[in-house]
Protein backbone atom coordinates (compact mmCIF):
# COMPACT_ATOMS: atom_id res chain seq x y z
CA MET A 1 57.75 -68.98 -166.83
CA ASP A 2 60.65 -70.51 -168.77
CA SER A 3 61.14 -74.19 -168.04
CA ARG A 4 64.93 -73.89 -168.36
CA VAL A 5 67.21 -71.10 -167.14
CA ASP A 6 70.88 -70.67 -166.42
CA VAL A 7 70.32 -69.45 -162.86
CA ALA A 8 67.30 -69.61 -160.56
CA VAL A 9 67.24 -67.20 -157.63
CA ILE A 10 64.95 -68.40 -154.86
CA GLY A 11 63.65 -65.49 -152.81
CA ALA A 12 63.13 -61.79 -153.61
CA GLY A 13 64.19 -60.11 -150.39
CA GLN A 14 67.30 -57.97 -150.06
CA ALA A 15 69.64 -60.83 -150.96
CA GLY A 16 67.58 -62.11 -153.89
CA LEU A 17 67.19 -58.68 -155.46
CA SER A 18 70.87 -57.94 -155.02
CA ALA A 19 71.76 -61.21 -156.72
CA GLY A 20 69.28 -60.44 -159.51
CA TYR A 21 70.84 -57.02 -160.07
CA TYR A 22 74.33 -58.44 -160.43
CA LEU A 23 73.22 -61.37 -162.56
CA ARG A 24 71.64 -58.84 -164.92
CA ARG A 25 74.67 -56.56 -164.83
CA LEU A 26 77.44 -59.14 -165.07
CA GLY A 27 75.68 -61.73 -167.24
CA ALA A 28 74.13 -59.49 -169.88
CA ASP A 29 76.94 -59.86 -172.44
CA ALA A 30 76.79 -63.66 -172.22
CA GLY A 31 73.00 -63.76 -172.60
CA LEU A 32 72.51 -65.20 -169.13
CA ARG A 33 68.93 -66.36 -168.53
CA PHE A 34 67.73 -66.16 -164.97
CA VAL A 35 64.54 -65.95 -162.94
CA VAL A 36 63.76 -64.83 -159.39
CA LEU A 37 61.13 -66.99 -157.68
CA ASP A 38 59.30 -65.40 -154.76
CA HIS A 39 56.64 -67.11 -152.68
CA ALA A 40 55.33 -63.87 -151.11
CA PRO A 41 52.16 -62.19 -152.43
CA GLY A 42 54.00 -58.93 -153.23
CA PRO A 43 57.38 -57.18 -153.13
CA GLY A 44 59.08 -56.57 -149.81
CA GLY A 45 60.46 -59.92 -148.70
CA ALA A 46 59.89 -60.63 -145.01
CA TRP A 47 59.63 -56.90 -144.28
CA GLN A 48 56.02 -56.82 -145.46
CA PHE A 49 55.05 -59.09 -142.56
CA ARG A 50 56.74 -57.13 -139.74
CA TRP A 51 54.81 -55.52 -136.89
CA PRO A 52 53.51 -51.95 -137.44
CA SER A 53 55.58 -50.32 -134.69
CA LEU A 54 58.83 -51.36 -136.37
CA THR A 55 59.88 -48.18 -138.16
CA LEU A 56 62.96 -47.36 -140.19
CA SER A 57 64.46 -45.67 -137.13
CA THR A 58 64.05 -48.69 -134.84
CA VAL A 59 64.81 -51.48 -137.29
CA ASN A 60 68.33 -52.87 -137.43
CA ARG A 61 70.11 -50.76 -140.07
CA VAL A 62 68.77 -51.29 -143.62
CA HIS A 63 71.13 -50.65 -146.50
CA ASP A 64 70.39 -49.47 -150.01
CA LEU A 65 70.23 -52.09 -152.69
CA PRO A 66 72.96 -51.69 -155.33
CA GLY A 67 72.29 -49.07 -157.97
CA MET A 68 69.35 -47.27 -156.33
CA ALA A 69 69.07 -45.24 -153.14
CA PHE A 70 66.30 -45.88 -150.63
CA THR A 71 65.70 -42.13 -150.53
CA ASP A 72 64.69 -42.24 -154.21
CA VAL A 73 61.46 -43.82 -152.96
CA LEU A 74 61.22 -42.67 -149.35
CA GLY A 75 61.95 -39.05 -150.21
CA ALA A 76 61.71 -36.63 -147.29
CA GLU A 77 59.62 -38.91 -145.06
CA ALA A 78 61.04 -39.09 -141.53
CA PRO A 79 62.43 -42.58 -140.75
CA GLU A 80 60.97 -42.56 -137.23
CA THR A 81 57.43 -42.29 -138.61
CA VAL A 82 57.57 -44.75 -141.49
CA PRO A 83 56.65 -48.39 -140.75
CA ALA A 84 59.24 -50.73 -142.25
CA ALA A 85 56.39 -52.96 -143.46
CA ASP A 86 55.26 -50.10 -145.74
CA ALA A 87 58.52 -48.45 -146.77
CA VAL A 88 60.60 -51.49 -147.68
CA PRO A 89 57.96 -53.07 -149.95
CA ARG A 90 57.60 -49.72 -151.75
CA TYR A 91 61.34 -49.59 -152.26
CA PHE A 92 61.64 -53.20 -153.40
CA ALA A 93 58.73 -52.83 -155.84
CA GLU A 94 60.33 -49.81 -157.49
CA TYR A 95 63.67 -51.58 -157.56
CA GLU A 96 62.20 -54.59 -159.38
CA ARG A 97 60.55 -52.28 -161.87
CA ARG A 98 63.53 -50.01 -162.51
CA PHE A 99 65.94 -52.85 -163.24
CA ALA A 100 63.37 -55.07 -164.97
CA LEU A 101 64.15 -58.00 -162.72
CA PRO A 102 62.33 -61.18 -163.78
CA VAL A 103 60.54 -61.80 -160.48
CA ARG A 104 57.77 -64.39 -160.59
CA ARG A 105 55.29 -64.50 -157.71
CA PRO A 106 53.66 -66.01 -155.90
CA VAL A 107 55.77 -69.08 -156.69
CA HIS A 108 56.64 -71.53 -153.94
CA THR A 109 59.75 -73.65 -154.49
CA ARG A 110 58.84 -77.01 -153.01
CA VAL A 111 62.00 -79.01 -153.61
CA VAL A 112 65.33 -78.87 -155.47
CA CYS A 113 67.13 -81.99 -156.61
CA ASP A 114 69.72 -83.15 -159.11
CA HIS A 115 68.52 -83.62 -162.68
CA ASP A 116 69.12 -86.96 -164.34
CA ALA A 117 71.80 -85.66 -166.69
CA GLY A 118 73.82 -82.65 -167.77
CA GLY A 119 74.63 -81.30 -164.33
CA LEU A 120 71.27 -79.56 -164.13
CA LEU A 121 69.19 -78.91 -161.04
CA THR A 122 65.44 -79.49 -161.03
CA LEU A 123 63.15 -77.15 -159.13
CA GLU A 124 59.64 -78.32 -158.41
CA THR A 125 57.50 -75.26 -157.81
CA SER A 126 53.87 -74.29 -157.44
CA ALA A 127 54.08 -72.91 -161.00
CA GLY A 128 55.57 -76.04 -162.53
CA THR A 129 58.97 -77.63 -162.91
CA LEU A 130 62.05 -75.89 -164.25
CA THR A 131 65.70 -76.75 -164.59
CA ALA A 132 68.68 -74.54 -163.85
CA ARG A 133 72.44 -74.79 -164.17
CA GLY A 134 72.93 -72.91 -160.92
CA ILE A 135 70.97 -71.64 -157.94
CA VAL A 136 71.23 -68.64 -155.66
CA ASN A 137 69.18 -69.51 -152.61
CA ALA A 138 68.02 -66.36 -150.81
CA THR A 139 65.11 -67.65 -148.74
CA GLY A 140 66.32 -66.10 -145.49
CA THR A 141 64.90 -67.25 -142.16
CA TRP A 142 61.42 -65.72 -141.72
CA GLU A 143 59.67 -68.96 -142.68
CA ARG A 144 61.45 -70.97 -139.98
CA PRO A 145 60.75 -69.44 -136.55
CA PHE A 146 62.52 -71.33 -133.79
CA VAL A 147 60.81 -72.20 -130.50
CA PRO A 148 62.82 -74.39 -128.11
CA ARG A 149 61.15 -77.35 -126.46
CA TYR A 150 60.47 -77.04 -122.76
CA ARG A 151 58.83 -79.49 -120.42
CA GLY A 152 55.16 -78.67 -119.84
CA ALA A 153 54.71 -76.42 -122.87
CA GLU A 154 51.64 -78.37 -123.92
CA LEU A 155 50.04 -77.77 -120.50
CA PHE A 156 50.18 -73.99 -120.63
CA ALA A 157 46.66 -72.56 -120.54
CA GLY A 158 47.66 -69.13 -121.79
CA ARG A 159 48.87 -67.94 -125.18
CA GLN A 160 52.24 -68.75 -126.74
CA LEU A 161 53.48 -66.88 -129.78
CA HIS A 162 56.70 -66.18 -131.65
CA THR A 163 58.20 -62.85 -132.72
CA ARG A 164 56.85 -63.31 -136.24
CA ASP A 165 53.30 -63.49 -134.83
CA TYR A 166 53.59 -60.20 -132.91
CA ARG A 167 51.51 -57.26 -134.07
CA THR A 168 50.91 -54.74 -131.27
CA ALA A 169 51.54 -54.48 -127.54
CA ASP A 170 47.97 -53.35 -126.86
CA GLU A 171 46.64 -56.88 -127.28
CA PHE A 172 48.50 -57.87 -124.10
CA ALA A 173 47.16 -55.11 -121.85
CA GLY A 174 46.23 -56.47 -118.42
CA ARG A 175 48.02 -59.79 -119.02
CA HIS A 176 51.39 -60.76 -117.60
CA VAL A 177 53.84 -61.51 -120.41
CA VAL A 178 57.01 -63.58 -120.18
CA VAL A 179 59.40 -62.47 -122.91
CA VAL A 180 62.00 -65.11 -123.80
CA GLY A 181 65.17 -64.18 -125.68
CA GLY A 182 68.23 -61.95 -125.60
CA GLY A 183 68.33 -60.50 -129.11
CA ILE A 184 67.46 -57.10 -130.52
CA SER A 185 63.85 -58.00 -131.28
CA ALA A 186 63.39 -59.38 -127.77
CA VAL A 187 64.43 -56.17 -126.03
CA GLN A 188 62.49 -53.97 -128.45
CA LEU A 189 59.27 -55.91 -127.90
CA LEU A 190 59.92 -56.14 -124.17
CA ASP A 191 60.16 -52.36 -124.07
CA GLU A 192 56.90 -51.93 -126.03
CA ILE A 193 54.91 -54.46 -124.04
CA SER A 194 56.17 -53.19 -120.69
CA ARG A 195 54.53 -49.86 -121.44
CA VAL A 196 51.05 -51.41 -121.33
CA THR A 197 51.37 -54.32 -118.90
CA THR A 198 53.67 -56.25 -116.55
CA THR A 199 56.50 -58.36 -117.93
CA THR A 200 59.17 -60.88 -116.98
CA TRP A 201 62.28 -61.18 -119.11
CA VAL A 202 64.26 -64.44 -119.30
CA THR A 203 67.32 -65.36 -121.35
CA ARG A 204 69.69 -68.31 -121.57
CA HIS A 205 72.75 -66.10 -121.22
CA GLU A 206 73.42 -62.80 -119.50
CA PRO A 207 72.81 -60.10 -122.14
CA GLN A 208 75.69 -57.79 -122.92
CA PHE A 209 74.70 -54.18 -123.60
CA ARG A 210 76.84 -51.73 -125.52
CA ASP A 211 77.06 -48.12 -124.35
CA GLU A 212 79.33 -47.08 -127.20
CA PRO A 213 78.40 -46.90 -130.90
CA PHE A 214 79.20 -49.96 -132.94
CA THR A 215 82.31 -49.33 -135.05
CA GLY A 216 83.05 -50.60 -138.54
CA ASP A 217 86.06 -52.56 -137.31
CA GLU A 218 83.94 -54.32 -134.69
CA GLY A 219 81.34 -55.11 -137.31
CA ARG A 220 83.90 -56.65 -139.62
CA ALA A 221 85.37 -58.64 -136.74
CA ALA A 222 81.93 -60.01 -135.81
CA VAL A 223 81.18 -61.00 -139.40
CA ALA A 224 84.60 -62.65 -139.65
CA ILE A 225 83.75 -64.89 -136.70
CA VAL A 226 80.51 -66.01 -138.35
CA GLU A 227 82.30 -66.49 -141.68
CA ASP A 228 84.95 -68.66 -140.04
CA ARG A 229 82.22 -70.90 -138.61
CA VAL A 230 80.53 -71.59 -141.93
CA ARG A 231 83.84 -72.11 -143.73
CA ARG A 232 84.50 -74.87 -141.17
CA GLY A 233 81.06 -76.39 -141.72
CA LEU A 234 79.64 -75.27 -138.38
CA PRO A 235 76.13 -73.84 -138.02
CA PRO A 236 76.21 -70.02 -138.28
CA GLY A 237 76.26 -68.24 -134.94
CA SER A 238 74.38 -65.09 -134.02
CA VAL A 239 76.17 -61.82 -134.77
CA VAL A 240 74.48 -60.28 -131.69
CA SER A 241 76.15 -62.92 -129.52
CA VAL A 242 79.46 -61.43 -130.66
CA THR A 243 78.61 -57.73 -130.78
CA GLY A 244 76.23 -57.27 -127.85
CA LEU A 245 73.03 -55.24 -127.75
CA PRO A 246 73.10 -51.50 -128.56
CA LEU A 247 71.78 -49.49 -125.63
CA THR A 248 69.45 -47.12 -127.45
CA PRO A 249 67.69 -44.17 -125.76
CA ALA A 250 64.50 -46.25 -125.61
CA LEU A 251 66.32 -49.10 -123.85
CA ARG A 252 68.00 -46.69 -121.46
CA ALA A 253 64.55 -45.47 -120.48
CA ALA A 254 63.34 -49.06 -120.13
CA ARG A 255 66.26 -49.82 -117.83
CA GLU A 256 65.40 -46.81 -115.69
CA ARG A 257 61.85 -48.14 -115.45
CA GLY A 258 63.25 -51.45 -114.18
CA VAL A 259 62.18 -53.41 -117.24
CA LEU A 260 65.59 -54.86 -118.12
CA GLN A 261 65.86 -57.03 -115.02
CA ARG A 262 66.74 -60.30 -116.68
CA LEU A 263 66.12 -63.71 -115.09
CA PRO A 264 67.86 -66.94 -116.12
CA MET A 265 65.96 -69.38 -118.30
CA PHE A 266 63.20 -71.29 -116.52
CA ASP A 267 63.23 -75.08 -116.31
CA GLU A 268 59.62 -75.89 -117.10
CA ILE A 269 56.30 -74.44 -118.18
CA THR A 270 53.25 -74.99 -116.02
CA ALA A 271 49.55 -74.56 -116.71
CA ASP A 272 49.61 -70.99 -115.40
CA GLY A 273 53.21 -69.84 -115.87
CA VAL A 274 56.85 -70.88 -115.67
CA ARG A 275 58.97 -72.44 -112.95
CA TRP A 276 62.67 -72.68 -112.13
CA ALA A 277 64.56 -75.65 -110.65
CA ASP A 278 64.71 -74.03 -107.20
CA GLY A 279 60.90 -73.91 -107.06
CA ALA A 280 60.55 -70.20 -107.86
CA ALA A 281 57.65 -69.54 -110.21
CA VAL A 282 56.04 -66.71 -112.16
CA ARG A 283 52.41 -66.67 -113.17
CA ALA A 284 51.92 -65.78 -116.82
CA ASP A 285 49.12 -65.26 -119.31
CA VAL A 286 51.40 -65.04 -122.35
CA ILE A 287 54.80 -66.45 -123.34
CA LEU A 288 56.42 -64.53 -126.18
CA TRP A 289 59.22 -66.54 -127.77
CA CYS A 290 61.77 -64.08 -129.22
CA THR A 291 64.09 -66.99 -129.86
CA GLY A 292 65.11 -66.30 -133.41
CA PHE A 293 64.89 -68.15 -136.67
CA ARG A 294 66.69 -70.87 -138.56
CA SER A 295 67.71 -70.84 -142.22
CA ALA A 296 64.82 -71.87 -144.49
CA LEU A 297 66.62 -74.57 -146.45
CA ASP A 298 64.29 -77.57 -146.25
CA HIS A 299 63.65 -77.46 -150.00
CA LEU A 300 67.35 -78.17 -150.57
CA ALA A 301 67.31 -81.31 -148.41
CA PRO A 302 67.55 -83.78 -151.35
CA LEU A 303 70.94 -82.27 -152.25
CA ARG A 304 72.36 -83.39 -148.88
CA LEU A 305 74.38 -80.25 -148.30
CA ARG A 306 74.53 -80.43 -144.50
CA GLY A 307 77.41 -82.07 -142.70
CA PRO A 308 77.27 -84.29 -139.59
CA GLY A 309 77.15 -81.26 -137.27
CA GLY A 310 74.16 -79.71 -139.03
CA GLY A 311 76.09 -76.95 -140.80
CA ILE A 312 76.97 -76.49 -144.46
CA THR A 313 80.61 -76.01 -145.41
CA MET A 314 80.90 -72.80 -147.40
CA ASP A 315 83.69 -71.33 -149.52
CA GLY A 316 84.14 -68.66 -152.17
CA ARG A 317 85.23 -65.05 -151.82
CA LEU A 318 82.55 -64.16 -149.26
CA ALA A 319 81.59 -67.68 -148.15
CA THR A 320 78.39 -67.79 -150.22
CA ARG A 321 79.31 -70.88 -152.27
CA VAL A 322 78.54 -74.40 -151.09
CA ALA A 323 81.93 -76.11 -151.00
CA ALA A 324 80.52 -79.50 -152.04
CA ASP A 325 78.47 -78.10 -154.94
CA PRO A 326 79.67 -74.89 -156.66
CA ARG A 327 76.39 -74.71 -158.58
CA ILE A 328 74.72 -73.52 -155.39
CA HIS A 329 75.18 -70.27 -153.48
CA LEU A 330 73.46 -69.46 -150.20
CA LEU A 331 72.67 -65.85 -149.35
CA GLY A 332 71.36 -64.92 -145.92
CA TYR A 333 73.36 -67.82 -144.49
CA GLY A 334 76.31 -66.92 -142.29
CA PRO A 335 78.11 -63.65 -143.09
CA SER A 336 75.56 -62.59 -145.72
CA ALA A 337 72.69 -62.56 -143.18
CA SER A 338 72.70 -58.76 -142.73
CA THR A 339 71.32 -56.33 -145.32
CA ILE A 340 74.76 -55.04 -146.28
CA GLY A 341 76.08 -58.60 -146.17
CA ALA A 342 73.32 -59.60 -148.56
CA ASN A 343 74.38 -56.88 -151.00
CA ARG A 344 78.02 -57.94 -150.98
CA GLY A 345 77.09 -61.60 -151.04
CA GLY A 346 74.78 -61.04 -154.01
CA ARG A 347 77.62 -59.60 -156.01
CA ALA A 348 80.05 -62.38 -155.06
CA ALA A 349 77.50 -65.12 -155.74
CA ALA A 350 76.54 -63.75 -159.16
CA SER A 351 80.15 -63.24 -160.19
CA GLU A 352 81.37 -66.66 -159.05
CA LEU A 353 78.35 -68.50 -160.44
CA ILE A 354 78.70 -66.84 -163.85
CA GLU A 355 82.35 -67.88 -163.92
CA HIS A 356 81.49 -71.44 -162.87
CA LEU A 357 78.95 -71.69 -165.70
CA GLY A 358 81.59 -70.57 -168.20
CA MET A 359 79.66 -67.42 -169.09
CA GLY A 360 82.27 -64.87 -168.03
CA SER A 361 85.08 -64.19 -165.59
CA ALA A 362 84.67 -63.34 -161.93
CA ASP A 363 84.77 -59.58 -162.38
CA THR A 364 84.89 -58.12 -158.89
CA ASN A 365 86.34 -54.80 -159.98
CA ARG A 366 83.27 -53.14 -161.44
CA GLN A 367 82.31 -50.21 -159.27
CA VAL A 368 78.68 -51.05 -158.55
CA GLY A 369 78.44 -50.27 -154.87
CA SER A 370 75.77 -49.61 -152.30
CA SER A 371 75.30 -47.15 -149.49
CA PRO A 372 73.36 -47.10 -146.22
CA VAL A 373 69.85 -45.76 -145.91
CA ARG A 374 70.93 -43.32 -143.24
């Protein structure tokens, strides 16, 4: 691995590969040198670790990477039968090969800090130290599962696990499961688990279900709200909190079975369950925390990018650039957290970073688009 590059991309998921594609495309004439560092054992980003029942028909919409259709790899396979943990890694592997992206793995980026001179950034990795003039951070959130602290959690005699630890509902058969969380993963796993055992569903806020299809205008409006937050230096909010939950046929059936009877968040965890302030209690063998993730940015801590409120002030065309340090772009943070957002953000980040490094102009007019999987 080169010890000095113009740009280091950290992460080889959707966002990292998109950034790599555009760095290759837009920086070729200037001889841009870049590398993509990926800590995972193989292609696929976080998708390779998802539970087997998550298929391409149930996963939140996955978009094609720029320049290559998902169907080029998936072919005629039916989306409802293909596990995302198999299909997406196949697609990403072929994408890396076709565009000769310089992905190095497994390489763990431990820390990034300012170099002593020349405006360079130093990356200390499991494969050695390298310097870069700019960074596209695309580490996503999978490595930082969030579990809120609740009184008595350490006393619980049953099993506690997070969404990222889930594999199959069958392991919970005969055990009462408390599912915590109001996001898409929470209701999908609640539906699966409720088919094999009893469940209790709790959320902090009353979930809002959508009967109508989600329109493009509503999607853009939701992303705009998240973008506004990060441009003001606030922590990114959840898009689902703005858009609501799509009421799929599976969830309609779950509602008819009485599964979607939500309770407010409990106040404490006991040795054998959970309890509310009014004394009501539910016995539980398992607590499944579907409480989301946080951005995996600890390796950037020495750069002191966060403001007093815990957010990072972003600017640039699509709010991928760190306002305080234009050498650094964050993908998967704020409006670029979706798969299509990652594609667009990858293009903006590559273009703006190349311009900042004096290796070209911010060419946003090249027609190198992307299209949805289905």
